[in-house]
N, C-alpha and C. Protein backbone atom coordinates (compact mmCIF):
# COMPACT_ATOMS: atom_id res chain seq x y z
N MET A 1 -4.13 -0.76 15.64
CA MET A 1 -4.92 -0.60 14.39
C MET A 1 -3.95 -0.58 13.28
N PHE A 2 -4.41 -1.31 12.20
CA PHE A 2 -3.45 -1.52 11.00
C PHE A 2 -4.02 -0.73 9.85
N ILE A 3 -3.39 0.35 9.48
CA ILE A 3 -3.97 1.22 8.24
C ILE A 3 -2.94 1.14 7.07
N THR A 4 -3.52 0.85 5.93
CA THR A 4 -2.69 0.85 4.79
C THR A 4 -3.15 1.92 3.70
N LEU A 5 -2.18 2.40 2.94
CA LEU A 5 -2.30 3.42 1.90
C LEU A 5 -2.03 2.73 0.56
N GLU A 6 -3.00 2.85 -0.29
CA GLU A 6 -2.80 2.25 -1.66
C GLU A 6 -3.13 3.36 -2.68
N GLY A 7 -2.75 2.94 -3.88
CA GLY A 7 -3.04 3.92 -5.05
C GLY A 7 -2.13 3.80 -6.07
N ILE A 8 -2.42 4.33 -7.30
CA ILE A 8 -1.40 4.37 -8.40
C ILE A 8 -0.16 5.08 -8.01
N ASP A 9 0.93 4.83 -8.85
CA ASP A 9 2.13 5.55 -8.66
C ASP A 9 2.11 7.04 -8.76
N GLY A 10 2.48 7.73 -7.80
CA GLY A 10 2.53 9.30 -7.97
C GLY A 10 1.21 9.90 -7.41
N SER A 11 0.44 9.04 -6.65
CA SER A 11 -0.93 9.55 -6.08
C SER A 11 -0.72 10.27 -4.63
N GLY A 12 0.65 10.34 -4.25
CA GLY A 12 0.81 11.13 -3.06
C GLY A 12 0.56 10.41 -1.74
N LYS A 13 0.63 9.04 -1.77
CA LYS A 13 0.22 8.45 -0.56
C LYS A 13 1.37 8.34 0.46
N SER A 14 2.55 8.36 -0.02
CA SER A 14 3.87 8.40 0.82
C SER A 14 3.81 9.67 1.74
N THR A 15 3.45 10.74 1.00
CA THR A 15 3.42 12.07 1.67
C THR A 15 2.30 12.00 2.77
N GLN A 16 1.23 11.43 2.41
CA GLN A 16 0.01 11.41 3.22
C GLN A 16 0.20 10.43 4.51
N ALA A 17 0.90 9.36 4.24
CA ALA A 17 1.33 8.38 5.39
C ALA A 17 2.28 9.18 6.37
N ARG A 18 3.17 9.98 5.96
CA ARG A 18 4.04 10.66 6.93
C ARG A 18 3.15 11.64 7.70
N LEU A 19 2.33 12.30 7.09
CA LEU A 19 1.47 13.39 7.72
C LEU A 19 0.53 12.70 8.76
N LEU A 20 -0.04 11.55 8.31
CA LEU A 20 -0.89 10.86 9.16
C LEU A 20 -0.32 10.38 10.52
N ALA A 21 1.07 9.97 10.19
CA ALA A 21 1.87 9.45 11.28
C ALA A 21 2.11 10.53 12.52
N GLN A 22 2.53 11.72 11.82
CA GLN A 22 2.66 12.87 12.71
C GLN A 22 1.45 13.29 13.38
N MET A 23 0.31 13.19 12.67
CA MET A 23 -1.00 13.68 13.50
C MET A 23 -1.27 12.61 14.56
N LEU A 24 -1.11 11.42 14.39
CA LEU A 24 -1.46 10.45 15.42
C LEU A 24 -0.48 10.59 16.51
N GLU A 25 0.89 10.78 16.26
CA GLU A 25 1.79 10.88 17.22
C GLU A 25 1.48 12.20 18.13
N ALA A 26 1.06 13.22 17.43
CA ALA A 26 0.74 14.50 18.20
C ALA A 26 -0.50 14.22 19.12
N GLN A 27 -1.33 13.32 18.69
CA GLN A 27 -2.41 12.94 19.67
C GLN A 27 -2.06 11.85 20.89
N GLY A 28 -0.66 11.59 20.74
CA GLY A 28 -0.23 10.71 21.91
C GLY A 28 -0.19 9.22 21.60
N ARG A 29 -0.63 8.93 20.25
CA ARG A 29 -0.48 7.38 20.04
C ARG A 29 0.77 6.88 19.49
N GLU A 30 1.16 5.89 19.86
CA GLU A 30 2.46 5.21 19.39
C GLU A 30 2.15 4.63 17.97
N VAL A 31 3.00 5.18 16.95
CA VAL A 31 2.92 4.85 15.59
C VAL A 31 4.24 4.10 14.93
N VAL A 32 3.90 3.18 14.07
CA VAL A 32 4.95 2.70 13.34
C VAL A 32 4.62 2.91 11.89
N LEU A 33 5.44 3.73 11.22
CA LEU A 33 5.32 4.08 9.78
C LEU A 33 6.29 3.19 9.03
N THR A 34 5.81 2.49 8.06
CA THR A 34 6.46 1.47 7.37
C THR A 34 5.96 1.43 5.87
N ARG A 35 6.58 0.58 5.08
CA ARG A 35 6.29 0.58 3.54
C ARG A 35 6.38 -0.62 3.06
N GLU A 36 5.88 -0.93 1.91
CA GLU A 36 6.16 -2.22 1.14
C GLU A 36 6.42 -1.87 -0.36
N PRO A 37 7.20 -2.71 -1.00
CA PRO A 37 7.92 -3.77 -0.46
C PRO A 37 9.05 -3.22 0.57
N GLY A 38 9.24 -3.89 1.61
CA GLY A 38 10.29 -3.29 2.63
C GLY A 38 9.74 -3.28 4.08
N GLY A 39 10.27 -2.60 4.75
CA GLY A 39 9.81 -2.29 6.22
C GLY A 39 10.46 -3.22 7.18
N SER A 40 11.32 -4.12 6.76
CA SER A 40 12.32 -4.91 7.54
C SER A 40 13.52 -5.13 6.76
N LYS A 41 14.55 -5.48 7.48
CA LYS A 41 15.81 -5.61 6.69
C LYS A 41 15.81 -6.35 5.41
N GLY A 42 15.45 -7.82 5.69
CA GLY A 42 15.28 -8.61 4.52
C GLY A 42 14.24 -8.25 3.47
N ALA A 43 13.16 -7.51 3.74
CA ALA A 43 12.08 -7.06 2.93
C ALA A 43 12.71 -5.85 2.02
N GLU A 44 13.56 -5.15 2.68
CA GLU A 44 14.20 -3.94 1.99
C GLU A 44 15.21 -4.42 0.92
N GLU A 45 15.93 -5.57 1.15
CA GLU A 45 16.66 -6.08 0.17
C GLU A 45 16.00 -6.74 -0.99
N ILE A 46 14.84 -7.21 -0.74
CA ILE A 46 14.01 -7.87 -1.87
C ILE A 46 13.38 -6.60 -2.71
N ARG A 47 13.07 -5.38 -2.05
CA ARG A 47 12.61 -4.27 -2.60
C ARG A 47 13.49 -3.89 -3.85
N ALA A 48 14.85 -3.78 -3.58
CA ALA A 48 15.74 -3.37 -4.65
C ALA A 48 15.56 -4.30 -5.82
N LEU A 49 15.37 -5.58 -5.53
CA LEU A 49 15.22 -6.65 -6.65
C LEU A 49 13.93 -6.35 -7.53
N VAL A 50 12.99 -5.99 -6.83
CA VAL A 50 11.69 -5.91 -7.72
C VAL A 50 11.32 -4.53 -8.22
N LEU A 51 11.83 -3.47 -7.56
CA LEU A 51 11.62 -2.11 -8.08
C LEU A 51 12.61 -1.46 -8.94
N GLU A 52 13.74 -2.08 -9.21
CA GLU A 52 14.82 -1.57 -10.05
C GLU A 52 14.91 -2.40 -11.22
N GLY A 53 15.52 -1.80 -12.35
CA GLY A 53 16.00 -2.68 -13.32
C GLY A 53 14.82 -2.69 -14.57
N ASP A 54 14.94 -3.48 -15.41
CA ASP A 54 14.14 -3.64 -16.59
C ASP A 54 12.73 -4.15 -16.11
N PRO A 55 11.79 -3.42 -16.98
CA PRO A 55 10.28 -3.90 -16.59
C PRO A 55 10.14 -5.44 -16.78
N ASP A 56 10.81 -5.95 -17.89
CA ASP A 56 10.80 -7.39 -18.05
C ASP A 56 11.63 -8.38 -17.29
N ARG A 57 12.28 -7.72 -16.26
CA ARG A 57 13.25 -8.41 -15.39
C ARG A 57 12.63 -9.65 -14.78
N TRP A 58 11.24 -9.68 -14.21
CA TRP A 58 10.74 -10.77 -13.65
C TRP A 58 9.44 -10.88 -14.28
N SER A 59 8.91 -12.32 -14.37
CA SER A 59 7.55 -12.58 -14.68
C SER A 59 6.72 -12.15 -13.57
N ALA A 60 5.35 -11.90 -13.93
CA ALA A 60 4.30 -11.65 -12.89
C ALA A 60 4.45 -12.67 -11.84
N GLU A 61 4.49 -13.97 -12.13
CA GLU A 61 4.48 -15.23 -11.16
C GLU A 61 5.54 -15.01 -10.10
N THR A 62 6.89 -14.69 -10.67
CA THR A 62 8.03 -14.62 -9.80
C THR A 62 7.87 -13.49 -8.86
N GLU A 63 7.37 -12.26 -9.49
CA GLU A 63 7.18 -11.15 -8.57
C GLU A 63 6.22 -11.41 -7.42
N ILE A 64 5.07 -12.22 -7.58
CA ILE A 64 4.15 -12.65 -6.40
C ILE A 64 4.96 -13.26 -5.41
N LEU A 65 5.88 -14.13 -5.85
CA LEU A 65 6.69 -15.01 -4.85
C LEU A 65 7.60 -13.94 -4.00
N LEU A 66 8.24 -13.12 -4.71
CA LEU A 66 9.19 -12.15 -4.12
C LEU A 66 8.39 -11.21 -3.20
N PHE A 67 7.20 -10.56 -3.68
CA PHE A 67 6.49 -9.76 -2.85
C PHE A 67 6.06 -10.37 -1.65
N THR A 68 5.56 -11.63 -1.72
CA THR A 68 5.16 -12.36 -0.66
C THR A 68 6.07 -12.73 0.30
N ALA A 69 7.38 -12.98 -0.30
CA ALA A 69 8.34 -13.30 0.68
C ALA A 69 8.76 -12.01 1.63
N ALA A 70 8.76 -10.87 0.80
CA ALA A 70 9.09 -9.66 1.51
C ALA A 70 8.05 -9.29 2.53
N ARG A 71 6.70 -9.65 2.32
CA ARG A 71 5.63 -9.30 3.12
C ARG A 71 5.71 -10.19 4.29
N ARG A 72 5.89 -11.26 4.15
CA ARG A 72 6.13 -12.34 5.32
C ARG A 72 7.13 -11.92 6.34
N ASP A 73 8.38 -11.51 5.87
CA ASP A 73 9.27 -11.08 6.71
C ASP A 73 8.89 -9.76 7.47
N HIS A 74 8.31 -8.85 6.70
CA HIS A 74 7.87 -7.59 7.15
C HIS A 74 6.75 -7.82 8.34
N LEU A 75 5.81 -8.65 8.09
CA LEU A 75 4.91 -9.07 9.03
C LEU A 75 5.41 -9.65 10.37
N GLU A 76 6.41 -10.59 10.06
CA GLU A 76 7.05 -11.20 11.31
C GLU A 76 7.85 -10.14 12.12
N LYS A 77 8.64 -9.29 11.41
CA LYS A 77 9.61 -8.54 12.10
C LYS A 77 9.06 -7.24 12.52
N THR A 78 8.05 -6.71 11.80
CA THR A 78 7.65 -5.16 12.01
C THR A 78 6.21 -5.21 12.47
N ILE A 79 5.42 -5.63 11.67
CA ILE A 79 3.91 -5.34 11.72
C ILE A 79 3.25 -6.03 12.87
N ARG A 80 3.31 -7.28 13.01
CA ARG A 80 2.76 -8.00 14.11
C ARG A 80 3.34 -7.60 15.48
N PRO A 81 4.67 -7.44 15.64
CA PRO A 81 5.08 -6.94 16.98
C PRO A 81 4.43 -5.56 17.32
N ALA A 82 4.35 -4.83 16.37
CA ALA A 82 3.96 -3.42 16.77
C ALA A 82 2.34 -3.51 17.04
N LEU A 83 1.56 -4.18 16.24
CA LEU A 83 0.24 -4.45 16.67
C LEU A 83 0.13 -5.04 18.04
N GLN A 84 0.84 -6.02 18.37
CA GLN A 84 0.73 -6.70 19.73
C GLN A 84 1.20 -5.75 20.77
N ALA A 85 1.98 -4.82 20.35
CA ALA A 85 2.35 -3.82 21.47
C ALA A 85 1.34 -2.73 21.43
N GLY A 86 0.25 -2.78 20.80
CA GLY A 86 -0.77 -1.79 20.85
C GLY A 86 -0.58 -0.44 20.00
N LYS A 87 0.31 -0.66 19.08
CA LYS A 87 0.77 0.58 18.33
C LYS A 87 -0.20 0.69 17.01
N VAL A 88 -0.26 1.95 16.36
CA VAL A 88 -0.96 2.02 15.19
C VAL A 88 0.00 1.77 14.17
N VAL A 89 -0.06 0.99 13.23
CA VAL A 89 0.70 0.61 12.05
C VAL A 89 0.21 1.35 10.92
N ILE A 90 0.96 2.25 10.24
CA ILE A 90 0.63 2.80 8.92
C ILE A 90 1.60 2.29 7.83
N CYS A 91 1.04 1.59 6.95
CA CYS A 91 1.85 1.01 5.90
C CYS A 91 1.59 1.63 4.47
N ASP A 92 2.73 2.01 3.81
CA ASP A 92 2.57 2.57 2.44
C ASP A 92 2.50 1.37 1.57
N ARG A 93 1.47 0.88 1.06
CA ARG A 93 1.23 -0.37 0.30
C ARG A 93 1.26 -1.60 1.01
N PHE A 94 0.43 -2.56 0.74
CA PHE A 94 0.30 -3.90 1.30
C PHE A 94 -0.26 -4.85 0.35
N ALA A 95 -0.90 -5.91 0.77
CA ALA A 95 -1.36 -6.93 0.01
C ALA A 95 -2.12 -6.42 -1.34
N ASP A 96 -2.94 -5.49 -1.05
CA ASP A 96 -3.81 -4.91 -2.22
C ASP A 96 -2.96 -4.59 -3.43
N SER A 97 -1.80 -4.06 -3.15
CA SER A 97 -0.82 -3.75 -4.32
C SER A 97 -0.49 -4.99 -5.04
N THR A 98 -0.27 -6.19 -4.55
CA THR A 98 0.00 -7.35 -5.12
C THR A 98 -1.16 -7.83 -5.87
N ARG A 99 -2.30 -7.76 -5.34
CA ARG A 99 -3.54 -8.03 -5.88
C ARG A 99 -3.90 -7.44 -7.20
N VAL A 100 -3.43 -6.10 -7.17
CA VAL A 100 -3.60 -5.32 -8.33
C VAL A 100 -2.47 -5.36 -9.34
N PHE A 101 -1.27 -5.08 -8.94
CA PHE A 101 -0.20 -5.07 -9.80
C PHE A 101 0.15 -6.49 -10.46
N GLN A 102 0.19 -7.49 -9.69
CA GLN A 102 0.47 -8.76 -10.22
C GLN A 102 -0.75 -9.59 -10.52
N GLY A 103 -1.75 -9.44 -9.69
CA GLY A 103 -3.06 -10.33 -9.84
C GLY A 103 -3.93 -10.00 -10.96
N VAL A 104 -4.03 -8.70 -11.29
CA VAL A 104 -4.99 -8.20 -12.31
C VAL A 104 -4.28 -7.65 -13.53
N THR A 105 -3.28 -6.76 -13.34
CA THR A 105 -2.85 -5.92 -14.44
C THR A 105 -1.87 -6.62 -15.33
N ARG A 106 -1.17 -7.67 -14.94
CA ARG A 106 -0.23 -8.35 -15.66
C ARG A 106 -0.66 -9.85 -16.03
N GLY A 107 -1.98 -10.08 -15.92
CA GLY A 107 -2.48 -11.52 -16.17
C GLY A 107 -3.48 -11.72 -15.15
N ASP A 108 -4.29 -12.85 -15.47
CA ASP A 108 -5.31 -13.23 -14.46
C ASP A 108 -4.75 -14.14 -13.47
N LEU A 109 -3.98 -13.58 -12.51
CA LEU A 109 -3.46 -14.25 -11.51
C LEU A 109 -4.08 -13.98 -10.01
N GLN A 110 -5.20 -13.50 -10.01
CA GLN A 110 -5.87 -13.11 -8.72
C GLN A 110 -6.07 -14.31 -7.74
N GLY A 111 -6.28 -15.47 -8.33
CA GLY A 111 -6.50 -16.66 -7.51
C GLY A 111 -5.24 -17.07 -6.91
N LYS A 112 -4.02 -17.14 -7.62
CA LYS A 112 -2.81 -17.46 -7.05
C LYS A 112 -2.47 -16.46 -5.93
N VAL A 113 -2.52 -15.23 -6.27
CA VAL A 113 -2.25 -14.09 -5.17
C VAL A 113 -2.99 -14.37 -3.99
N ASN A 114 -4.25 -14.52 -4.05
CA ASN A 114 -5.15 -14.70 -2.93
C ASN A 114 -4.88 -16.04 -2.12
N ARG A 115 -4.62 -17.08 -2.75
CA ARG A 115 -4.27 -18.19 -2.09
C ARG A 115 -2.93 -18.28 -1.36
N LEU A 116 -1.92 -17.55 -2.03
CA LEU A 116 -0.62 -17.33 -1.21
C LEU A 116 -0.84 -16.42 -0.15
N HIS A 117 -1.66 -15.41 -0.34
CA HIS A 117 -1.82 -14.51 0.84
C HIS A 117 -2.52 -15.12 2.02
N GLU A 118 -3.57 -15.87 1.84
CA GLU A 118 -4.06 -16.68 2.74
C GLU A 118 -3.19 -17.63 3.56
N GLU A 119 -2.38 -18.25 2.73
CA GLU A 119 -1.40 -19.37 3.38
C GLU A 119 -0.35 -18.67 4.12
N MET A 120 0.34 -17.67 3.52
CA MET A 120 1.57 -17.08 4.12
C MET A 120 1.44 -15.74 4.93
N ILE A 121 0.31 -15.03 4.72
CA ILE A 121 0.00 -13.70 5.38
C ILE A 121 -1.13 -13.76 6.37
N GLY A 122 -2.17 -13.89 5.76
CA GLY A 122 -3.43 -14.09 6.68
C GLY A 122 -3.87 -12.86 7.46
N VAL A 123 -3.36 -11.59 7.01
CA VAL A 123 -3.88 -10.46 7.72
C VAL A 123 -4.30 -9.56 6.72
N GLU A 124 -5.44 -8.66 7.17
CA GLU A 124 -6.03 -7.79 6.25
C GLU A 124 -5.99 -6.39 7.19
N PRO A 125 -5.77 -5.29 6.63
CA PRO A 125 -5.76 -4.08 7.31
C PRO A 125 -7.17 -3.76 7.98
N ASP A 126 -7.24 -2.95 9.00
CA ASP A 126 -8.47 -2.45 9.58
C ASP A 126 -9.07 -1.34 8.68
N LEU A 127 -8.26 -0.53 8.00
CA LEU A 127 -8.66 0.49 7.16
C LEU A 127 -7.66 0.63 5.97
N THR A 128 -8.21 0.58 4.77
CA THR A 128 -7.34 0.99 3.77
C THR A 128 -7.65 2.18 3.08
N LEU A 129 -6.83 3.16 3.07
CA LEU A 129 -7.05 4.51 2.27
C LEU A 129 -6.49 4.32 0.89
N LEU A 130 -7.50 4.52 -0.17
CA LEU A 130 -7.22 4.47 -1.49
C LEU A 130 -7.11 5.89 -2.12
N PHE A 131 -5.95 6.25 -2.54
CA PHE A 131 -5.63 7.57 -3.09
C PHE A 131 -5.84 7.48 -4.57
N ASP A 132 -6.99 8.00 -4.92
CA ASP A 132 -7.54 7.91 -6.40
C ASP A 132 -7.37 9.39 -7.13
N MET A 133 -6.72 9.20 -8.35
CA MET A 133 -6.50 10.43 -9.28
C MET A 133 -6.27 9.93 -10.66
N ASP A 134 -6.36 10.86 -11.43
CA ASP A 134 -6.12 10.68 -12.86
C ASP A 134 -4.79 10.09 -13.15
N PRO A 135 -4.58 8.72 -13.75
CA PRO A 135 -3.36 8.09 -13.97
C PRO A 135 -2.39 8.81 -14.78
N THR A 136 -2.72 9.66 -15.71
CA THR A 136 -1.70 10.34 -16.53
C THR A 136 -1.00 11.33 -15.50
N VAL A 137 -1.73 12.11 -14.70
CA VAL A 137 -1.14 12.97 -13.78
C VAL A 137 -0.20 12.25 -12.77
N GLY A 138 -0.69 11.11 -12.28
CA GLY A 138 0.20 10.26 -11.20
C GLY A 138 1.38 9.83 -11.98
N LEU A 139 1.30 9.51 -13.21
CA LEU A 139 2.35 8.96 -13.85
C LEU A 139 3.49 9.94 -13.97
N SER A 140 2.97 11.13 -14.51
CA SER A 140 4.06 12.16 -14.74
C SER A 140 4.71 12.70 -13.38
N ARG A 141 3.94 12.61 -12.30
CA ARG A 141 4.38 13.07 -10.83
C ARG A 141 5.50 11.93 -10.67
N ALA A 142 5.17 10.64 -10.86
CA ALA A 142 6.03 9.57 -10.38
C ALA A 142 7.34 9.67 -11.08
N LYS A 143 7.22 9.85 -12.52
CA LYS A 143 8.48 10.00 -13.40
C LYS A 143 9.46 11.10 -12.95
N ALA A 144 8.59 12.25 -12.50
CA ALA A 144 9.45 13.42 -12.16
C ALA A 144 10.24 13.20 -11.02
N ARG A 145 10.14 12.22 -10.19
CA ARG A 145 10.89 11.95 -8.93
C ARG A 145 12.39 11.45 -9.32
N GLN A 146 12.30 10.84 -10.47
CA GLN A 146 13.62 10.46 -11.00
C GLN A 146 14.53 9.58 -10.05
N THR A 147 13.85 8.54 -9.57
CA THR A 147 14.56 7.59 -8.63
C THR A 147 14.89 6.39 -9.45
N ALA A 148 15.74 5.61 -8.84
CA ALA A 148 16.13 4.15 -9.41
C ALA A 148 14.97 3.27 -9.49
N GLU A 149 13.88 3.60 -8.60
CA GLU A 149 12.70 2.52 -8.46
C GLU A 149 11.49 2.86 -9.30
N GLU A 150 11.90 2.73 -10.69
CA GLU A 150 10.82 3.12 -11.52
C GLU A 150 10.44 1.99 -12.53
N ARG A 151 10.61 0.83 -12.04
CA ARG A 151 10.24 -0.44 -12.89
C ARG A 151 8.89 -0.41 -13.35
N PHE A 152 8.04 -0.06 -12.37
CA PHE A 152 6.47 -0.22 -12.71
C PHE A 152 5.97 1.06 -13.42
N GLU A 153 6.59 2.14 -13.11
CA GLU A 153 6.24 3.39 -13.97
C GLU A 153 6.68 3.16 -15.23
N ASP A 154 7.66 2.31 -15.58
CA ASP A 154 8.11 2.06 -17.06
C ASP A 154 7.07 1.10 -17.79
N PHE A 155 6.16 0.67 -17.14
CA PHE A 155 5.16 -0.05 -17.94
C PHE A 155 4.29 0.90 -18.70
N GLY A 156 4.21 2.21 -18.25
CA GLY A 156 3.54 3.17 -19.08
C GLY A 156 2.14 3.62 -18.56
N ALA A 157 1.60 4.51 -19.23
CA ALA A 157 0.25 4.99 -19.00
C ALA A 157 -0.98 3.96 -18.90
N ASP A 158 -1.10 3.10 -19.96
CA ASP A 158 -2.18 2.13 -20.08
C ASP A 158 -2.10 1.22 -18.89
N PHE A 159 -0.97 0.96 -18.50
CA PHE A 159 -0.72 0.05 -17.34
C PHE A 159 -1.31 0.76 -16.10
N GLN A 160 -0.99 1.97 -15.93
CA GLN A 160 -1.53 2.73 -14.76
C GLN A 160 -2.97 2.85 -14.72
N ILE A 161 -3.62 3.01 -15.85
CA ILE A 161 -5.11 3.04 -16.04
C ILE A 161 -5.67 1.77 -15.56
N LYS A 162 -5.11 0.63 -15.95
CA LYS A 162 -5.59 -0.59 -15.45
C LYS A 162 -5.53 -0.78 -14.00
N VAL A 163 -4.31 -0.27 -13.41
CA VAL A 163 -4.07 -0.27 -12.04
C VAL A 163 -5.23 0.52 -11.26
N ARG A 164 -5.49 1.85 -11.79
CA ARG A 164 -6.33 2.42 -11.07
C ARG A 164 -7.84 1.77 -11.03
N ALA A 165 -8.26 1.24 -12.19
CA ALA A 165 -9.54 0.53 -12.36
C ALA A 165 -9.50 -0.70 -11.14
N ALA A 166 -8.41 -1.42 -11.37
CA ALA A 166 -8.41 -2.64 -10.25
C ALA A 166 -8.55 -2.19 -8.91
N PHE A 167 -7.91 -1.08 -8.50
CA PHE A 167 -7.94 -0.56 -7.09
C PHE A 167 -9.49 -0.32 -6.84
N LEU A 168 -10.09 0.47 -7.74
CA LEU A 168 -11.42 0.95 -7.51
C LEU A 168 -12.46 -0.31 -7.27
N ASP A 169 -12.15 -1.31 -8.11
CA ASP A 169 -12.98 -2.52 -8.09
C ASP A 169 -12.79 -3.32 -6.57
N LEU A 170 -11.50 -3.30 -6.24
CA LEU A 170 -11.29 -3.73 -4.80
C LEU A 170 -12.05 -2.91 -3.80
N ALA A 171 -11.99 -1.64 -3.90
CA ALA A 171 -12.66 -0.71 -2.97
C ALA A 171 -13.96 -1.00 -2.89
N LYS A 172 -14.72 -1.34 -3.99
CA LYS A 172 -16.15 -1.47 -4.11
C LYS A 172 -16.39 -2.87 -3.29
N ALA A 173 -15.55 -3.92 -3.30
CA ALA A 173 -15.76 -5.21 -2.83
C ALA A 173 -15.48 -5.32 -1.31
N HIS A 174 -14.73 -4.36 -0.79
CA HIS A 174 -14.34 -4.54 0.69
C HIS A 174 -14.57 -3.31 1.40
N SER A 175 -15.43 -3.53 2.47
CA SER A 175 -15.90 -2.23 3.30
C SER A 175 -14.71 -1.64 4.12
N ARG A 176 -13.49 -2.29 4.21
CA ARG A 176 -12.40 -1.73 4.94
C ARG A 176 -11.74 -0.50 4.12
N PHE A 177 -12.21 -0.28 2.82
CA PHE A 177 -11.60 0.85 1.87
C PHE A 177 -12.32 2.09 2.15
N ALA A 178 -11.40 3.27 2.09
CA ALA A 178 -12.03 4.49 2.08
C ALA A 178 -11.44 5.22 0.79
N VAL A 179 -12.19 5.73 -0.27
CA VAL A 179 -11.51 6.24 -1.42
C VAL A 179 -11.43 7.67 -1.21
N ILE A 180 -10.24 8.38 -1.26
CA ILE A 180 -9.70 9.50 -1.03
C ILE A 180 -9.41 10.25 -2.38
N ASP A 181 -10.02 11.42 -2.78
CA ASP A 181 -9.76 12.08 -4.03
C ASP A 181 -8.33 12.80 -3.85
N ALA A 182 -7.31 12.29 -4.53
CA ALA A 182 -5.95 12.68 -4.32
C ALA A 182 -5.59 13.70 -5.26
N SER A 183 -6.51 14.44 -6.04
CA SER A 183 -6.15 15.36 -6.99
C SER A 183 -6.15 16.85 -6.25
N ARG A 184 -6.56 16.83 -4.99
CA ARG A 184 -6.65 18.13 -4.30
C ARG A 184 -5.37 18.52 -3.68
N GLU A 185 -5.27 19.67 -3.06
CA GLU A 185 -4.15 20.32 -2.29
C GLU A 185 -3.84 19.22 -1.15
N ILE A 186 -2.51 19.07 -0.93
CA ILE A 186 -1.90 18.23 0.20
C ILE A 186 -2.72 18.35 1.44
N ASP A 187 -2.84 19.79 1.94
CA ASP A 187 -3.47 19.94 3.33
C ASP A 187 -4.94 19.51 3.26
N VAL A 188 -5.67 19.69 2.14
CA VAL A 188 -7.03 19.41 2.06
C VAL A 188 -7.16 17.78 2.07
N ILE A 189 -6.34 17.13 1.49
CA ILE A 189 -6.34 15.64 1.53
C ILE A 189 -5.94 15.12 2.90
N ALA A 190 -5.05 15.71 3.50
CA ALA A 190 -4.56 15.35 4.97
C ALA A 190 -5.84 15.52 5.75
N ALA A 191 -6.48 16.68 5.66
CA ALA A 191 -7.74 16.77 6.50
C ALA A 191 -8.77 15.74 6.35
N ASP A 192 -9.04 15.38 5.07
CA ASP A 192 -9.91 14.31 4.93
C ASP A 192 -9.37 12.88 5.36
N VAL A 193 -8.12 12.66 5.32
CA VAL A 193 -7.54 11.40 5.83
C VAL A 193 -7.76 11.51 7.41
N ALA A 194 -7.45 12.58 8.03
CA ALA A 194 -7.48 12.74 9.40
C ALA A 194 -9.05 12.30 9.87
N GLU A 195 -9.91 12.88 9.22
CA GLU A 195 -11.38 12.62 9.50
C GLU A 195 -11.84 11.22 9.28
N THR A 196 -11.15 10.60 8.24
CA THR A 196 -11.66 9.20 8.00
C THR A 196 -10.92 8.25 9.09
N VAL A 197 -9.78 8.45 9.44
CA VAL A 197 -8.97 7.60 10.34
C VAL A 197 -9.61 7.95 11.75
N ALA A 198 -10.01 8.99 12.07
CA ALA A 198 -10.56 9.35 13.44
C ALA A 198 -11.89 8.55 13.66
N ALA A 199 -12.74 8.58 12.58
CA ALA A 199 -13.93 7.97 12.64
C ALA A 199 -13.81 6.34 12.76
N ARG A 200 -12.81 5.72 12.09
CA ARG A 200 -12.47 4.36 12.04
C ARG A 200 -11.86 4.14 13.37
N LEU A 201 -10.95 4.81 13.93
CA LEU A 201 -10.42 4.57 15.34
C LEU A 201 -11.38 4.61 16.38
N ALA A 202 -12.35 5.32 16.20
CA ALA A 202 -13.55 5.52 17.30
C ALA A 202 -14.23 4.20 17.22
N SER A 203 -14.54 3.69 15.97
CA SER A 203 -15.32 2.43 15.92
C SER A 203 -14.59 1.17 16.13
N HIS A 204 -13.33 1.39 16.15
CA HIS A 204 -12.51 0.22 16.14
C HIS A 204 -12.26 -0.35 17.72
N HIS A 205 -12.67 0.71 18.59
CA HIS A 205 -12.40 0.20 20.05
C HIS A 205 -11.01 -0.27 20.56
N GLY A 206 -10.04 0.04 19.80
CA GLY A 206 -8.74 -0.26 20.29
C GLY A 206 -8.29 -1.70 20.01
N GLY A 207 -9.12 -2.38 19.27
CA GLY A 207 -8.79 -3.88 18.93
C GLY A 207 -7.65 -3.95 17.99
N ALA A 208 -6.93 -4.88 18.11
CA ALA A 208 -5.75 -5.04 17.08
C ALA A 208 -6.09 -6.20 16.20
N ALA A 209 -5.35 -5.99 14.81
CA ALA A 209 -5.56 -7.07 13.86
C ALA A 209 -4.79 -8.28 14.42
N THR A 210 -5.27 -9.47 14.05
CA THR A 210 -4.46 -10.79 14.40
C THR A 210 -3.84 -11.17 13.30
């Protein structure tokens, strides 16, 4: 089963991805916890290119190509082999982030994003957990981390508000989404995630994404 976690910056999804992986491993499942951009050697190198530096470093079109290149390598080297081996793959961000960050919020590039995804990736998650919260709270959390990877946070609050709206629109359009209220305590969110994933695993009957 292929599970992705999405949301605005600072919504706590990386923490929840770790907790979910620990819970599934405790149940005896084999789990691969990974992230985007990144998750393979080549993709991690591209990660530094797109997440660090000046906000205007790349155009949205160039970013789409960089993120797709990273995702393709990640798919070949990490995701597909794990799914074929019957493991649960938990990925912190996937194609929905490109659909939102490059496809919607930085111009009307949705068509390009989707065509490139179909051509080069062709995989959708079995379940996407969308961590939803107030963008101003998320942004202040994200900035408080003070890492080198703040290029998207540096676009500011209006950008994060657009990102949230675009994610919620995607969630309405695709049944693979489950929207999680990310404004609550970490353990409350984790329990909600565990329940959602258990229900989807039960209905999934062990089939793997192709």
